[in-house]
Amino acid sequence: MSTLFPSKNNMQRSWYVLDAQDVVLGRLATKVAMMLMGKHKPTYTPFIDTGDHVVVINADKVRLTGNKEDAKNYYRHTGYPGGLKTTTAKKMRQTRPERMIELAIQGMLPKSKMGKQMYRKLNVYAGPKHPHQAQLPVDMAI
C-alpha cells in the first residue's frame, strides 16, 4: 500500500471568517496560523501547502493582556543607518490595527517560500465588513 499525498489537482481550499472582537491576540494568531498551514486537516503534509484561506474581521477590537498595550513595541527598519523605528501597540492599534494581527501570524508561519505562500491566503480587515462574500466563507468561532 502506498501513501497518498495531496496534490494541486485534488486539493480543496475552503474560506473561513474569524471575528477578532475580544479575542486575545496570541490565541487568535495560533488558530489562524494552524488553518493557513493546513494542520487542522487530516491531509496535512509538512512539505505541501494544504491550508485554507482565512479572513479576519474586527482587527481593531483584538484584546491584549496585561500591560502590553503600552509596553509592547513593534520595530521596523528604513534601511538607512540609524533608521530603526519603534511603535507601541497602542499607536499601532490607532493607525494600522490589521498589521498587529498580520505580524503575529507571520511570526508563526514557516520562514520559507512556502511560508510566504501561506501568508498570502490571509486577509485581515479592521471593521466588520469584508469583500470576500463571493467565496462563501464559513464563520468560525474561537
Protein backbone atom coordinates (compact mmCIF):
# COMPACT_ATOMS: atom_id res chain seq x y z
CA MET A 1 0.00 0.00 0.00
CA SER A 2 1.37 3.42 -0.90
CA THR A 3 0.86 6.70 0.93
CA LEU A 4 -1.43 9.19 -0.79
CA PHE A 5 -0.07 12.72 -0.98
CA PRO A 6 -2.32 15.69 -1.69
CA SER A 7 -1.69 17.47 -4.98
CA LYS A 8 -2.89 20.72 -6.52
CA ASN A 9 -5.42 18.81 -8.64
CA ASN A 10 -7.34 17.19 -5.78
CA MET A 11 -6.85 19.82 -3.07
CA GLN A 12 -9.94 21.54 -1.64
CA ARG A 13 -9.27 25.00 -0.18
CA SER A 14 -12.02 26.43 1.99
CA TRP A 15 -12.61 30.02 3.12
CA TYR A 16 -13.13 30.84 6.81
CA VAL A 17 -14.10 34.05 8.62
CA LEU A 18 -12.84 34.66 12.16
CA ASP A 19 -14.13 37.51 14.32
CA ALA A 20 -11.28 39.01 16.40
CA GLN A 21 -13.53 41.03 18.71
CA ASP A 22 -12.48 40.48 22.37
CA VAL A 23 -10.15 37.59 21.41
CA VAL A 24 -6.61 37.52 22.80
CA LEU A 25 -4.11 38.29 20.01
CA GLY A 26 -1.85 35.27 20.57
CA ARG A 27 -4.70 32.76 20.72
CA LEU A 28 -6.17 34.17 17.52
CA ALA A 29 -2.79 34.07 15.78
CA THR A 30 -2.13 30.42 16.66
CA LYS A 31 -5.56 29.34 15.42
CA VAL A 32 -5.17 31.23 12.13
CA ALA A 33 -1.60 30.00 11.58
CA MET A 34 -2.74 26.39 12.03
CA MET A 35 -5.51 26.92 9.46
CA LEU A 36 -3.16 28.60 6.97
CA MET A 37 -0.70 25.68 7.27
CA GLY A 38 -3.47 23.09 6.98
CA LYS A 39 -2.76 21.39 10.31
CA HIS A 40 -6.48 21.15 11.05
CA LYS A 41 -6.95 18.75 8.11
CA PRO A 42 -6.27 15.02 8.02
CA THR A 43 -4.39 15.53 4.73
CA TYR A 44 -1.72 17.75 6.36
CA THR A 45 1.72 17.27 4.86
CA PRO A 46 4.66 19.34 6.16
CA PHE A 47 6.22 19.97 2.74
CA ILE A 48 2.97 20.76 0.85
CA ASP A 49 0.78 23.82 1.39
CA THR A 50 -2.60 22.25 2.22
CA GLY A 51 -4.00 25.22 4.15
CA ASP A 52 -7.18 27.21 3.68
CA HIS A 53 -7.94 30.90 3.13
CA VAL A 54 -8.68 32.89 6.29
CA VAL A 55 -10.44 36.27 6.63
CA VAL A 56 -10.09 38.04 9.99
CA ILE A 57 -12.57 40.84 10.76
CA ASN A 58 -12.73 43.39 13.62
CA ALA A 59 -8.94 43.53 13.92
CA ASP A 60 -9.19 46.84 15.74
CA LYS A 61 -11.04 45.15 18.64
CA VAL A 62 -8.49 42.41 19.36
CA ARG A 63 -7.51 42.08 23.03
CA LEU A 64 -4.03 42.38 24.53
CA THR A 65 -3.48 41.01 28.03
CA GLY A 66 -1.55 42.61 30.86
CA ASN A 67 0.40 45.81 30.17
CA LYS A 68 1.09 45.00 26.50
CA GLU A 69 -0.94 47.95 25.22
CA ASP A 70 1.79 50.31 26.46
CA ALA A 71 4.80 48.01 26.85
CA LYS A 72 4.76 46.01 23.58
CA ASN A 73 6.86 47.55 20.81
CA TYR A 74 6.88 46.89 17.08
CA TYR A 75 10.14 47.53 15.23
CA ARG A 76 10.90 48.23 11.58
CA HIS A 77 13.99 49.49 9.82
CA THR A 78 14.07 52.03 7.00
CA GLY A 79 17.25 50.60 5.51
CA TYR A 80 19.34 53.67 6.30
CA PRO A 81 21.93 53.89 9.10
CA GLY A 82 20.18 54.67 12.39
CA GLY A 83 16.81 54.00 10.77
CA LEU A 84 15.24 51.79 13.43
CA LYS A 85 11.65 52.90 14.03
CA THR A 86 9.68 51.86 17.13
CA THR A 87 5.88 51.90 17.55
CA THR A 88 3.90 50.90 20.64
CA ALA A 89 0.91 48.58 20.43
CA LYS A 90 -1.44 51.44 21.39
CA LYS A 91 -0.21 53.60 18.48
CA MET A 92 -0.30 50.61 16.09
CA ARG A 93 -3.91 49.91 17.07
CA GLN A 94 -4.87 53.50 16.20
CA THR A 95 -3.01 53.67 12.88
CA ARG A 96 -2.86 50.12 11.41
CA PRO A 97 -4.72 47.55 13.56
CA GLU A 98 -4.57 44.94 10.79
CA ARG A 99 -0.78 44.96 10.93
CA MET A 100 -0.78 43.79 14.58
CA ILE A 101 -2.56 40.57 13.65
CA GLU A 102 -0.58 40.12 10.43
CA LEU A 103 2.75 40.35 12.26
CA ALA A 104 1.64 37.92 14.98
CA ILE A 105 0.50 35.34 12.41
CA GLN A 106 3.50 35.85 10.12
CA GLY A 107 5.83 35.07 13.02
CA MET A 108 4.12 31.69 13.50
CA LEU A 109 4.40 30.57 9.87
CA PRO A 110 7.45 28.86 8.35
CA LYS A 111 10.25 31.17 7.25
CA SER A 112 10.46 29.88 3.67
CA LYS A 113 8.90 30.26 0.23
CA MET A 114 6.07 28.04 1.35
CA GLY A 115 5.51 30.24 4.42
CA LYS A 116 5.15 33.29 2.17
CA GLN A 117 2.69 31.35 0.02
CA MET A 118 0.66 30.51 3.14
CA TYR A 119 0.74 34.14 4.31
CA ARG A 120 -0.82 35.27 1.01
CA LYS A 121 -4.00 33.35 1.92
CA LEU A 122 -4.58 35.67 4.90
CA ASN A 123 -6.90 38.68 4.70
CA VAL A 124 -7.28 40.99 7.72
CA TYR A 125 -9.78 43.86 8.00
CA ALA A 126 -10.20 46.42 10.78
CA GLY A 127 -14.00 46.61 10.56
CA PRO A 128 -16.79 44.05 10.43
CA LYS A 129 -17.11 44.07 6.61
CA HIS A 130 -15.02 42.22 4.05
CA PRO A 131 -15.18 41.89 0.23
CA HIS A 132 -14.99 38.05 0.12
CA GLN A 133 -18.71 37.17 0.17
CA ALA A 134 -18.47 35.60 -3.29
CA GLN A 135 -16.18 32.86 -1.92
CA LEU A 136 -18.93 31.80 0.54
CA PRO A 137 -16.74 31.82 3.66
CA VAL A 138 -17.72 29.79 6.72
CA ASP A 139 -17.88 31.53 10.11
CA MET A 140 -15.54 30.00 12.69
CA ALA A 141 -15.68 30.57 16.44
CA ILE A 142 -12.60 30.76 18.62
